[in-house]
Amino acid sequence: MKIDCEKTEPLLSAYLDGELAGAELDEVKAHLADCAHCHEVLEQFRTVDGL
């Protein structure tokens, strides 16, 4: 099942922290591979984490 941005965005912080597993992790990875918007949001989170 493919998830959308509305479900993915709240999971991005947990994704960066390595807190996702199983199907949820796979769904987020698949969504990020196809969604430029969520990939950009993820990069913004990475930048903030690096401060």
PDB file of N, CA and C in Angstrom:
ATOM      1  N   MET A   1       0.840  -1.182   0.000  1.00  0.00           N
ATOM      2  CA  MET A   1       0.000   0.000   0.000  1.00  0.00           C
ATOM      3  C   MET A   1       0.881   1.239   0.000  1.00  0.00           C
ATOM      4  N   LYS A   2       0.590   2.152  -0.880  1.00  0.00           N
ATOM      5  CA  LYS A   2       1.368   3.378  -0.987  1.00  0.00           C
ATOM      6  C   LYS A   2       0.753   4.447  -0.075  1.00  0.00           C
ATOM      7  N   ILE A   3       1.614   5.131   0.674  1.00  0.00           N
ATOM      8  CA  ILE A   3       1.114   6.173   1.567  1.00  0.00           C
ATOM      9  C   ILE A   3       1.310   7.537   0.920  1.00  0.00           C
ATOM     10  N   ASP A   4       0.558   8.530   1.399  1.00  0.00           N
ATOM     11  CA  ASP A   4       0.634   9.865   0.826  1.00  0.00           C
ATOM     12  C   ASP A   4       1.415  10.807   1.741  1.00  0.00           C
ATOM     13  N   CYS A   5       1.570  12.043   1.294  1.00  0.00           N
ATOM     14  CA  CYS A   5       2.341  13.040   2.043  1.00  0.00           C
ATOM     15  C   CYS A   5       1.748  13.290   3.426  1.00  0.00           C
ATOM     16  N   GLU A   6       0.435  13.296   3.516  1.00  0.00           N
ATOM     17  CA  GLU A   6      -0.227  13.573   4.791  1.00  0.00           C
ATOM     18  C   GLU A   6       0.167  12.551   5.856  1.00  0.00           C
ATOM     19  N   LYS A   7       0.358  11.312   5.462  1.00  0.00           N
ATOM     20  CA  LYS A   7       0.775  10.282   6.413  1.00  0.00           C
ATOM     21  C   LYS A   7       2.299  10.265   6.586  1.00  0.00           C
ATOM     22  N   THR A   8       3.026  10.588   5.521  1.00  0.00           N
ATOM     23  CA  THR A   8       4.486  10.503   5.557  1.00  0.00           C
ATOM     24  C   THR A   8       5.126  11.608   6.385  1.00  0.00           C
ATOM     25  N   GLU A   9       4.707  12.848   6.181  1.00  0.00           N
ATOM     26  CA  GLU A   9       5.382  13.973   6.838  1.00  0.00           C
ATOM     27  C   GLU A   9       5.506  13.827   8.351  1.00  0.00           C
ATOM     28  N   PRO A  10       4.459  13.408   9.069  1.00  0.00           N
ATOM     29  CA  PRO A  10       4.617  13.257  10.524  1.00  0.00           C
ATOM     30  C   PRO A  10       5.605  12.156  10.923  1.00  0.00           C
ATOM     31  N   LEU A  11       5.931  11.263  10.002  1.00  0.00           N
ATOM     32  CA  LEU A  11       6.840  10.155  10.305  1.00  0.00           C
ATOM     33  C   LEU A  11       8.298  10.472   9.986  1.00  0.00           C
ATOM     34  N   LEU A  12       8.562  11.605   9.353  1.00  0.00           N
ATOM     35  CA  LEU A  12       9.920  11.883   8.890  1.00  0.00           C
ATOM     36  C   LEU A  12      10.923  12.036  10.025  1.00  0.00           C
ATOM     37  N   SER A  13      10.538  12.641  11.110  1.00  0.00           N
ATOM     38  CA  SER A  13      11.448  12.771  12.249  1.00  0.00           C
ATOM     39  C   SER A  13      11.809  11.402  12.809  1.00  0.00           C
ATOM     40  N   ALA A  14      10.814  10.547  12.967  1.00  0.00           N
ATOM     41  CA  ALA A  14      11.068   9.188  13.452  1.00  0.00           C
ATOM     42  C   ALA A  14      11.931   8.416  12.456  1.00  0.00           C
ATOM     43  N   TYR A  15      11.724   8.647  11.178  1.00  0.00           N
ATOM     44  CA  TYR A  15      12.536   8.008  10.141  1.00  0.00           C
ATOM     45  C   TYR A  15      14.001   8.409  10.308  1.00  0.00           C
ATOM     46  N   LEU A  16      14.245   9.704  10.474  1.00  0.00           N
ATOM     47  CA  LEU A  16      15.622  10.180  10.656  1.00  0.00           C
ATOM     48  C   LEU A  16      16.265   9.616  11.914  1.00  0.00           C
ATOM     49  N   ASP A  17      15.476   9.431  12.941  1.00  0.00           N
ATOM     50  CA  ASP A  17      15.995   8.924  14.215  1.00  0.00           C
ATOM     51  C   ASP A  17      16.112   7.406  14.242  1.00  0.00           C
ATOM     52  N   GLY A  18      15.753   6.745  13.149  1.00  0.00           N
ATOM     53  CA  GLY A  18      15.848   5.291  13.085  1.00  0.00           C
ATOM     54  C   GLY A  18      14.804   4.577  13.920  1.00  0.00           C
ATOM     55  N   GLU A  19      13.670   5.242  14.144  1.00  0.00           N
ATOM     56  CA  GLU A  19      12.633   4.686  15.001  1.00  0.00           C
ATOM     57  C   GLU A  19      11.551   3.913  14.246  1.00  0.00           C
ATOM     58  N   LEU A  20      11.612   3.892  12.927  1.00  0.00           N
ATOM     59  CA  LEU A  20      10.613   3.156  12.152  1.00  0.00           C
ATOM     60  C   LEU A  20      11.140   1.768  11.818  1.00  0.00           C
ATOM     61  N   ALA A  21      10.220   0.834  11.657  1.00  0.00           N
ATOM     62  CA  ALA A  21      10.610  -0.533  11.306  1.00  0.00           C
ATOM     63  C   ALA A  21       9.512  -1.171  10.472  1.00  0.00           C
ATOM     64  N   GLY A  22       9.836  -2.279   9.875  1.00  0.00           N
ATOM     65  CA  GLY A  22       8.855  -3.082   9.159  1.00  0.00           C
ATOM     66  C   GLY A  22       8.187  -2.355   8.019  1.00  0.00           C
ATOM     67  N   ALA A  23       6.893  -2.593   7.891  1.00  0.00           N
ATOM     68  CA  ALA A  23       6.121  -2.049   6.776  1.00  0.00           C
ATOM     69  C   ALA A  23       6.111  -0.526   6.784  1.00  0.00           C
ATOM     70  N   GLU A  24       6.062   0.064   7.969  1.00  0.00           N
ATOM     71  CA  GLU A  24       6.036   1.525   8.051  1.00  0.00           C
ATOM     72  C   GLU A  24       7.320   2.115   7.464  1.00  0.00           C
ATOM     73  N   LEU A  25       8.459   1.540   7.797  1.00  0.00           N
ATOM     74  CA  LEU A  25       9.739   1.990   7.254  1.00  0.00           C
ATOM     75  C   LEU A  25       9.760   1.814   5.738  1.00  0.00           C
ATOM     76  N   ASP A  26       9.322   0.670   5.265  1.00  0.00           N
ATOM     77  CA  ASP A  26       9.299   0.406   3.827  1.00  0.00           C
ATOM     78  C   ASP A  26       8.403   1.397   3.089  1.00  0.00           C
ATOM     79  N   GLU A  27       7.248   1.716   3.673  1.00  0.00           N
ATOM     80  CA  GLU A  27       6.319   2.653   3.043  1.00  0.00           C
ATOM     81  C   GLU A  27       6.913   4.050   2.964  1.00  0.00           C
ATOM     82  N   VAL A  28       7.557   4.495   4.030  1.00  0.00           N
ATOM     83  CA  VAL A  28       8.162   5.827   4.032  1.00  0.00           C
ATOM     84  C   VAL A  28       9.296   5.884   3.009  1.00  0.00           C
ATOM     85  N   LYS A  29      10.144   4.866   2.971  1.00  0.00           N
ATOM     86  CA  LYS A  29      11.237   4.833   1.991  1.00  0.00           C
ATOM     87  C   LYS A  29      10.699   4.885   0.563  1.00  0.00           C
ATOM     88  N   ALA A  30       9.666   4.109   0.292  1.00  0.00           N
ATOM     89  CA  ALA A  30       9.076   4.082  -1.048  1.00  0.00           C
ATOM     90  C   ALA A  30       8.482   5.439  -1.399  1.00  0.00           C
ATOM     91  N   HIS A  31       7.814   6.060  -0.454  1.00  0.00           N
ATOM     92  CA  HIS A  31       7.221   7.369  -0.703  1.00  0.00           C
ATOM     93  C   HIS A  31       8.313   8.401  -0.971  1.00  0.00           C
ATOM     94  N   LEU A  32       9.370   8.389  -0.177  1.00  0.00           N
ATOM     95  CA  LEU A  32      10.459   9.348  -0.363  1.00  0.00           C
ATOM     96  C   LEU A  32      11.133   9.191  -1.721  1.00  0.00           C
ATOM     97  N   ALA A  33      11.192   7.986  -2.228  1.00  0.00           N
ATOM     98  CA  ALA A  33      11.813   7.742  -3.528  1.00  0.00           C
ATOM     99  C   ALA A  33      11.031   8.397  -4.665  1.00  0.00           C
ATOM    100  N   ASP A  34       9.720   8.587  -4.461  1.00  0.00           N
ATOM    101  CA  ASP A  34       8.855   9.121  -5.516  1.00  0.00           C
ATOM    102  C   ASP A  34       8.366  10.547  -5.278  1.00  0.00           C
ATOM    103  N   CYS A  35       8.588  11.098  -4.100  1.00  0.00           N
ATOM    104  CA  CYS A  35       7.977  12.387  -3.750  1.00  0.00           C
ATOM    105  C   CYS A  35       9.042  13.448  -3.464  1.00  0.00           C
ATOM    106  N   ALA A  36       9.189  14.377  -4.389  1.00  0.00           N
ATOM    107  CA  ALA A  36      10.176  15.444  -4.224  1.00  0.00           C
ATOM    108  C   ALA A  36       9.844  16.325  -3.021  1.00  0.00           C
ATOM    109  N   HIS A  37       8.564  16.560  -2.787  1.00  0.00           N
ATOM    110  CA  HIS A  37       8.163  17.419  -1.667  1.00  0.00           C
ATOM    111  C   HIS A  37       8.611  16.829  -0.328  1.00  0.00           C
ATOM    112  N   CYS A  38       8.281  15.583  -0.079  1.00  0.00           N
ATOM    113  CA  CYS A  38       8.645  14.964   1.199  1.00  0.00           C
ATOM    114  C   CYS A  38      10.155  14.786   1.314  1.00  0.00           C
ATOM    115  N   HIS A  39      10.817  14.547   0.196  1.00  0.00           N
ATOM    116  CA  HIS A  39      12.277  14.442   0.219  1.00  0.00           C
ATOM    117  C   HIS A  39      12.876  15.782   0.640  1.00  0.00           C
ATOM    118  N   GLU A  40      12.323  16.880   0.160  1.00  0.00           N
ATOM    119  CA  GLU A  40      12.798  18.213   0.545  1.00  0.00           C
ATOM    120  C   GLU A  40      12.535  18.468   2.029  1.00  0.00           C
ATOM    121  N   VAL A  41      11.372  18.089   2.520  1.00  0.00           N
ATOM    122  CA  VAL A  41      11.069  18.238   3.949  1.00  0.00           C
ATOM    123  C   VAL A  41      12.071  17.433   4.773  1.00  0.00           C
ATOM    124  N   LEU A  42      12.387  16.226   4.338  1.00  0.00           N
ATOM    125  CA  LEU A  42      13.372  15.394   5.024  1.00  0.00           C
ATOM    126  C   LEU A  42      14.729  16.088   5.058  1.00  0.00           C
ATOM    127  N   GLU A  43      15.145  16.688   3.956  1.00  0.00           N
ATOM    128  CA  GLU A  43      16.424  17.398   3.911  1.00  0.00           C
ATOM    129  C   GLU A  43      16.416  18.599   4.857  1.00  0.00           C
ATOM    130  N   GLN A  44      15.288  19.272   4.981  1.00  0.00           N
ATOM    131  CA  GLN A  44      15.176  20.385   5.928  1.00  0.00           C
ATOM    132  C   GLN A  44      15.335  19.880   7.356  1.00  0.00           C
ATOM    133  N   PHE A  45      14.730  18.737   7.675  1.00  0.00           N
ATOM    134  CA  PHE A  45      14.898  18.142   9.002  1.00  0.00           C
ATOM    135  C   PHE A  45      16.359  17.794   9.256  1.00  0.00           C
ATOM    136  N   ARG A  46      17.031  17.255   8.244  1.00  0.00           N
ATOM    137  CA  ARG A  46      18.449  16.903   8.394  1.00  0.00           C
ATOM    138  C   ARG A  46      19.283  18.144   8.682  1.00  0.00           C
ATOM    139  N   THR A  47      18.964  19.237   8.011  1.00  0.00           N
ATOM    140  CA  THR A  47      19.686  20.488   8.228  1.00  0.00           C
ATOM    141  C   THR A  47      19.498  20.972   9.657  1.00  0.00           C
ATOM    142  N   VAL A  48      18.272  20.942  10.134  1.00  0.00           N
ATOM    143  CA  VAL A  48      17.980  21.374  11.505  1.00  0.00           C
ATOM    144  C   VAL A  48      18.680  20.460  12.509  1.00  0.00           C
ATOM    145  N   ASP A  49      18.658  19.155  12.265  1.00  0.00           N
ATOM    146  CA  ASP A  49      19.333  18.209  13.163  1.00  0.00           C
ATOM    147  C   ASP A  49      20.827  18.462  13.219  1.00  0.00           C
ATOM    148  N   GLY A  50      21.385  18.999  12.131  1.00  0.00           N
ATOM    149  CA  GLY A  50      22.817  19.241  12.068  1.00  0.00           C
ATOM    150  C   GLY A  50      23.261  20.529  12.736  1.00  0.00           C
ATOM    151  N   LEU A  51      22.328  21.338  13.178  1.00  0.00           N
ATOM    152  CA  LEU A  51      22.695  22.619  13.814  1.00  0.00           C
ATOM    153  C   LEU A  51      23.201  22.427  15.215  1.00  0.00           C
TER     154      LEU A  51
END
